[in-house]
């Protein structure tokens, strides 16, 4: 359903990304390595579940999500970090209960990992978005005075950038589910740590920093529910798929499929930059961050409607 590439291509780029992260760990300063090491160890269940799918074509989406949740619980056990506040009174009271906090955090991080897997379908898209999100989180941490987390963000972003250099624009290797769940889990967990380690930063800032993939997964869930489809059902109705099918293929009709494919990334980066920039500017204001999130959802919906219905209107989720 979602395959748009014409040539057989290796899908084990996630292994290369993991090797890059391990190298980064060994070269990191001690104060950074002591924080980075447990995070990498916790990511292994999510990574291995994805690699099994890449190599053996076995396993279901629910199994990979459960593995990602397991990585979240393991990360809490190794680091002691979990979401204990989101700036909403009643919810914060519940998050003060450790089991609730751990399960909520594992669920949220699993959602981010699934979001990266969803947008992984065009050359450079997933790795480019992860690089942008990691850079944004790193800058937020740096501005909050958290040098260790800033360095971790740039190490993780560096591994994504190394993959991007090989994957984009020609698609010589894919990150596969292993790479998508690995980077997605790491992105989600770093977002949690940036928020919890820095009281001056609103928890909504890291969420907005990852705004595009989060909005994509929420919109996909709503669309599939409206169409009475399973949540893991594949389709070509993601925003990046529509940009490829109805924008770059038409605008670049005389160019090669590789060029049409690669042209999607800069377009999607323009949108992803909106929530990323807002997360930095309003990083201390929960109210402005929440408003910004809904503004980004509205912009997404308008663009989506224009691509589906060819007019600027709010979209119908029961698409045909």
Protein backbone atom coordinates (compact mmCIF):
# COMPACT_ATOMS: atom_id res chain seq x y z
CA UNK A 1 0.00 0.00 0.00
CA UNK A 2 2.63 2.53 1.01
CA UNK A 3 5.58 1.40 -1.14
CA UNK A 4 6.48 4.04 -3.70
CA UNK A 5 10.09 3.06 -4.40
CA UNK A 6 10.99 1.19 -7.55
CA UNK A 7 14.23 -0.60 -6.66
CA UNK A 8 15.11 -3.08 -3.88
CA UNK A 9 16.93 -1.19 -1.13
CA UNK A 10 18.49 -2.30 2.19
CA UNK A 11 16.24 -1.56 5.17
CA UNK A 12 18.79 -1.92 7.97
CA UNK A 13 19.86 1.71 8.23
CA UNK A 14 18.71 1.58 11.84
CA UNK A 15 21.72 -0.59 12.62
CA UNK A 16 24.04 2.08 11.21
CA UNK A 17 22.27 4.71 13.31
CA UNK A 18 22.70 2.59 16.45
CA UNK A 19 26.41 2.13 15.70
CA UNK A 20 26.74 5.90 15.29
CA UNK A 21 25.05 6.43 18.65
CA UNK A 22 27.37 3.94 20.36
CA UNK A 23 30.40 5.71 18.87
CA UNK A 24 28.98 9.01 20.12
CA UNK A 25 28.58 7.49 23.57
CA UNK A 26 32.22 6.38 23.74
CA UNK A 27 33.50 9.80 22.63
CA UNK A 28 31.13 11.76 24.90
CA UNK A 29 32.41 13.53 28.04
CA UNK A 30 31.84 11.47 31.22
CA UNK A 31 29.03 13.72 32.50
CA UNK A 32 27.21 13.22 29.18
CA UNK A 33 27.94 9.50 28.80
CA UNK A 34 26.51 8.72 32.25
CA UNK A 35 23.15 10.11 31.09
CA UNK A 36 23.29 8.88 27.48
CA UNK A 37 24.24 5.27 28.28
CA UNK A 38 21.01 4.27 30.10
CA UNK A 39 18.92 5.92 27.36
CA UNK A 40 20.64 3.89 24.63
CA UNK A 41 20.29 0.69 26.66
CA UNK A 42 16.58 1.34 27.18
CA UNK A 43 16.06 1.87 23.44
CA UNK A 44 17.10 -1.71 22.55
CA UNK A 45 13.65 -3.39 22.89
CA UNK A 46 12.11 -0.85 20.50
CA UNK A 47 15.04 -1.17 18.11
CA UNK A 48 15.06 -4.97 18.10
CA UNK A 49 11.30 -5.20 17.52
CA UNK A 50 11.69 -2.98 14.46
CA UNK A 51 14.70 -4.89 13.14
CA UNK A 52 12.81 -8.19 13.36
CA UNK A 53 10.17 -6.68 11.07
CA UNK A 54 12.83 -5.33 8.70
CA UNK A 55 14.72 -8.61 8.37
CA UNK A 56 12.07 -11.31 8.77
CA UNK A 57 8.90 -9.38 7.77
CA UNK A 58 7.26 -10.72 10.90
CA UNK A 59 5.48 -9.02 13.73
CA UNK A 60 2.53 -6.69 14.04
CA UNK A 61 2.30 -2.98 14.78
CA UNK A 62 0.87 -3.69 18.23
CA UNK A 63 3.87 -5.88 19.08
CA UNK A 64 6.30 -3.15 18.07
CA UNK A 65 4.34 -0.60 20.08
CA UNK A 66 4.41 -2.86 23.13
CA UNK A 67 8.18 -3.19 22.72
CA UNK A 68 8.41 0.60 22.61
CA UNK A 69 6.31 0.87 25.78
CA UNK A 70 8.68 -1.65 27.37
CA UNK A 71 11.59 0.61 26.39
CA UNK A 72 9.80 3.48 28.12
CA UNK A 73 9.37 1.53 31.35
CA UNK A 74 13.00 0.37 31.17
CA UNK A 75 14.15 3.96 30.63
CA UNK A 76 12.27 5.03 33.76
CA UNK A 77 13.84 2.18 35.75
CA UNK A 78 17.34 3.12 34.56
CA UNK A 79 17.06 6.91 34.77
CA UNK A 80 14.33 7.57 37.33
CA UNK A 81 12.75 10.13 34.98
CA UNK A 82 9.07 10.22 34.00
CA UNK A 83 6.46 12.87 33.35
CA UNK A 84 5.27 14.22 36.69
CA UNK A 85 3.74 17.47 35.44
CA UNK A 86 2.10 18.83 32.32
CA UNK A 87 0.75 22.05 33.81
CA UNK A 88 -2.84 20.85 34.30
CA UNK A 89 -3.86 20.63 37.95
CA UNK A 90 -5.91 17.43 38.08
CA UNK A 91 -3.62 15.59 35.69
CA UNK A 92 -0.53 16.68 37.61
CA UNK A 93 -2.11 15.26 40.76
CA UNK A 94 -2.49 11.88 39.05
CA UNK A 95 1.04 12.05 37.64
CA UNK A 96 2.36 12.40 41.19
CA UNK A 97 1.43 8.70 41.55
CA UNK A 98 4.48 6.81 40.27
CA UNK A 99 2.74 3.92 38.40
CA UNK A 100 0.43 6.40 36.66
CA UNK A 101 3.37 8.62 35.74
CA UNK A 102 5.41 5.70 34.36
CA UNK A 103 2.56 4.28 32.28
CA UNK A 104 1.59 7.71 30.96
CA UNK A 105 5.21 8.45 30.03
CA UNK A 106 5.67 5.08 28.31
CA UNK A 107 2.46 5.61 26.36
CA UNK A 108 3.47 9.14 25.30
CA UNK A 109 6.97 8.07 24.23
CA UNK A 110 5.51 5.11 22.33
CA UNK A 111 3.24 7.53 20.51
CA UNK A 112 6.22 9.63 19.40
CA UNK A 113 8.05 6.50 18.21
CA UNK A 114 4.99 5.46 16.20
CA UNK A 115 4.76 8.98 14.78
CA UNK A 116 8.30 8.77 13.39
CA UNK A 117 7.49 5.37 11.89
CA UNK A 118 4.40 6.85 10.22
CA UNK A 119 6.31 9.67 8.50
CA UNK A 120 9.08 7.30 7.39
CA UNK A 121 8.12 6.79 3.76
CA UNK A 122 10.09 9.23 1.61
CA UNK A 123 13.80 9.82 1.26
CA UNK A 124 15.18 11.89 4.13
CA UNK A 125 11.82 12.69 5.68
CA UNK A 126 11.98 10.82 9.01
CA UNK A 127 15.68 11.48 9.61
CA UNK A 128 15.36 15.12 8.54
CA UNK A 129 12.43 15.70 10.89
CA UNK A 130 14.21 13.94 13.76
CA UNK A 131 17.27 16.11 13.15
CA UNK A 132 15.10 19.24 13.30
CA UNK A 133 13.30 18.10 16.46
CA UNK A 134 16.52 17.06 18.21
CA UNK A 135 18.13 20.39 17.32
CA UNK A 136 15.11 22.22 18.71
CA UNK A 137 15.17 20.23 21.97
CA UNK A 138 18.91 20.79 22.21
CA UNK A 139 18.47 24.54 21.85
CA UNK A 140 15.68 24.57 24.46
CA UNK A 141 17.94 22.65 26.87
CA UNK A 142 20.87 24.97 26.14
CA UNK A 143 18.76 28.08 26.79
CA UNK A 144 17.65 26.52 30.08
CA UNK A 145 21.28 25.99 31.12
CA UNK A 146 21.18 22.19 30.74
CA UNK A 147 24.45 21.62 28.86
CA UNK A 148 24.39 17.83 29.28
CA UNK A 149 20.99 17.38 27.64
CA UNK A 150 21.93 19.83 24.90
CA UNK A 151 25.00 17.73 24.06
CA UNK A 152 22.93 14.53 24.12
CA UNK A 153 20.45 16.06 21.69
CA UNK A 154 23.23 17.00 19.31
CA UNK A 155 24.81 13.52 19.54
CA UNK A 156 21.46 11.91 18.70
CA UNK A 157 20.86 14.47 15.97
CA UNK A 158 24.34 13.78 14.62
CA UNK A 159 23.54 10.09 14.16
CA UNK A 160 20.35 11.05 12.29
CA UNK A 161 22.37 13.47 10.15
CA UNK A 162 24.90 10.77 9.28
CA UNK A 163 22.08 8.55 8.02
CA UNK A 164 20.53 11.49 6.17
CA UNK A 165 23.73 12.01 4.18
CA UNK A 166 23.43 8.49 2.74
CA UNK A 167 19.65 8.29 2.45
CA UNK A 168 18.98 11.70 0.89
CA UNK A 169 18.24 12.36 -1.90
CA UNK A 170 18.85 9.03 -3.68
CA UNK A 171 17.50 6.57 -1.10
CA UNK A 172 20.54 4.27 -1.13
CA UNK A 173 19.51 2.81 2.24
CA UNK A 174 16.36 2.99 4.38
CA UNK A 175 16.25 3.23 8.17
CA UNK A 176 13.45 0.67 8.31
CA UNK A 177 11.25 0.09 11.33
CA UNK A 178 14.36 -0.51 13.45
CA UNK A 179 15.69 2.96 12.76
CA UNK A 180 12.28 4.63 12.96
CA UNK A 181 11.38 3.13 16.33
CA UNK A 182 14.92 3.71 17.63
CA UNK A 183 15.01 7.40 16.71
CA UNK A 184 11.35 7.85 17.64
CA UNK A 185 11.85 6.40 21.10
CA UNK A 186 14.99 8.46 21.69
CA UNK A 187 13.24 11.61 20.52
CA UNK A 188 10.29 10.98 22.84
CA UNK A 189 12.44 10.16 25.85
CA UNK A 190 14.74 13.14 25.37
CA UNK A 191 11.63 15.36 25.19
CA UNK A 192 10.57 13.95 28.57
CA UNK A 193 13.99 14.52 30.11
CA UNK A 194 14.31 18.09 28.82
CA UNK A 195 10.97 18.94 30.42
CA UNK A 196 11.59 17.16 33.74
CA UNK A 197 15.20 18.30 34.24
CA UNK A 198 14.39 21.97 33.62
CA UNK A 199 11.55 23.43 35.75
CA UNK A 200 11.77 26.72 33.84
CA UNK A 201 10.67 24.92 30.66
CA UNK A 202 6.99 24.13 30.22
CA UNK A 203 6.33 20.44 29.43
CA UNK A 204 4.38 21.66 26.41
CA UNK A 205 7.56 23.05 24.83
CA UNK A 206 9.14 19.63 24.07
CA UNK A 207 5.75 18.41 22.84
CA UNK A 208 5.49 21.34 20.44
CA UNK A 209 9.12 20.82 19.38
CA UNK A 210 7.95 17.43 18.04
CA UNK A 211 4.74 19.01 16.76
CA UNK A 212 4.65 17.78 13.16
CA UNK A 213 5.03 14.03 13.78
CA UNK A 214 2.68 14.19 16.80
CA UNK A 215 0.00 16.01 14.81
CA UNK A 216 0.44 13.51 11.98
CA UNK A 217 -0.16 10.49 14.22
CA UNK A 218 -3.16 12.11 15.94
CA UNK A 219 -4.70 13.04 12.61
CA UNK A 220 -4.04 9.54 11.24
CA UNK A 221 -5.74 7.93 14.23
CA UNK A 222 -8.79 10.19 13.83
CA UNK A 223 -8.96 9.53 10.08
CA UNK A 224 -8.79 5.76 10.44
CA UNK A 225 -11.36 5.73 13.21
CA UNK A 226 -13.69 7.85 11.06
CA UNK A 227 -13.27 5.36 8.20
CA UNK A 228 -13.81 2.37 10.52
CA UNK A 229 -10.27 1.10 9.85
CA UNK A 230 -7.82 -0.47 12.26
CA UNK A 231 -5.44 2.09 13.73
CA UNK A 232 -2.47 0.24 12.21
CA UNK A 233 -4.04 0.01 8.75
CA UNK A 234 -1.65 1.43 6.10
CA UNK A 235 -2.80 4.06 3.63
CA UNK A 236 -1.51 6.82 1.37
CA UNK A 237 -3.44 9.61 3.05
CA UNK A 238 -0.70 10.98 5.26
CA UNK A 239 0.22 14.59 4.59
CA UNK A 240 3.64 13.70 3.17
CA UNK A 241 2.05 11.09 0.88
CA UNK A 242 -0.41 13.67 -0.45
CA UNK A 243 2.38 16.21 -0.95
CA UNK A 244 4.23 13.60 -3.03
CA UNK A 245 1.17 12.48 -5.02
CA UNK A 246 -0.46 15.86 -5.65
CA UNK A 247 2.33 18.42 -5.47
CA UNK A 248 5.85 17.25 -6.27
CA UNK A 249 4.80 14.67 -8.91
CA UNK A 250 2.82 17.36 -10.73
CA UNK A 251 5.19 20.28 -10.26
CA UNK A 252 8.15 18.11 -11.26
CA UNK A 253 6.39 15.94 -13.83
CA UNK A 254 9.36 16.05 -16.18
CA UNK A 255 11.89 15.05 -13.55
CA UNK A 256 12.89 11.61 -12.30
CA UNK A 257 10.91 9.83 -9.54
CA UNK A 258 13.93 10.29 -7.25
CA UNK A 259 13.73 14.08 -7.62
CA UNK A 260 9.97 14.03 -7.05
CA UNK A 261 10.51 11.92 -3.94
CA UNK A 262 13.30 14.09 -2.54
CA UNK A 263 11.36 17.32 -3.10
CA UNK A 264 8.90 16.40 -0.34
CA UNK A 265 11.43 16.88 2.48
CA UNK A 266 12.02 20.65 2.10
CA UNK A 267 8.26 21.22 1.84
CA UNK A 268 7.57 19.26 5.02
CA UNK A 269 10.45 20.98 6.82
CA UNK A 270 8.78 24.33 6.15
CA UNK A 271 5.73 23.14 8.05
CA UNK A 272 7.71 21.38 10.81
CA UNK A 273 9.64 24.58 11.44
CA UNK A 274 6.46 26.36 12.58
CA UNK A 275 5.87 24.36 15.79
CA UNK A 276 9.63 24.04 16.35
CA UNK A 277 10.11 27.81 16.29
CA UNK A 278 7.07 28.39 18.51
CA UNK A 279 8.38 25.89 21.07
CA UNK A 280 11.59 27.90 21.42
CA UNK A 281 9.96 31.33 21.53
CA UNK A 282 7.25 30.37 24.05
CA UNK A 283 9.18 27.67 25.95
CA UNK A 284 8.26 29.12 29.37
CA UNK A 285 4.57 29.84 28.75
CA UNK A 286 2.20 26.86 28.88
CA UNK A 287 -0.71 29.00 27.71
CA UNK A 288 1.06 30.25 24.59
CA UNK A 289 2.41 26.78 23.83
CA UNK A 290 -1.06 25.22 23.99
CA UNK A 291 -2.46 27.96 21.76
CA UNK A 292 0.47 27.44 19.37
CA UNK A 293 -0.20 23.70 19.22
CA UNK A 294 -3.82 24.24 18.16
CA UNK A 295 -2.71 26.87 15.63
CA UNK A 296 -0.37 24.26 14.11
CA UNK A 297 -3.21 21.71 14.05
CA UNK A 298 -5.40 24.25 12.24
CA UNK A 299 -2.68 24.99 9.66
CA UNK A 300 -2.17 21.24 9.12
CA UNK A 301 -5.94 20.75 8.62
CA UNK A 302 -6.16 23.58 6.09
CA UNK A 303 -3.24 22.24 4.05
CA UNK A 304 -4.68 18.74 4.22
CA UNK A 305 -8.10 19.96 3.05
CA UNK A 306 -6.53 21.83 0.15
CA UNK A 307 -4.76 18.67 -1.01
CA UNK A 308 -7.77 16.39 -0.60
CA UNK A 309 -10.69 18.59 -1.63
CA UNK A 310 -8.76 21.15 -3.72
CA UNK A 311 -10.19 24.01 -1.70
CA UNK A 312 -9.35 25.79 1.55
CA UNK A 313 -11.84 24.23 3.94
CA UNK A 314 -11.81 22.03 7.00
CA UNK A 315 -11.28 18.40 5.94
CA UNK A 316 -13.67 15.49 6.27
CA UNK A 317 -11.94 12.63 8.03
CA UNK A 318 -14.15 10.05 6.34
CA UNK A 319 -12.08 10.22 3.16
CA UNK A 320 -12.82 8.06 0.14
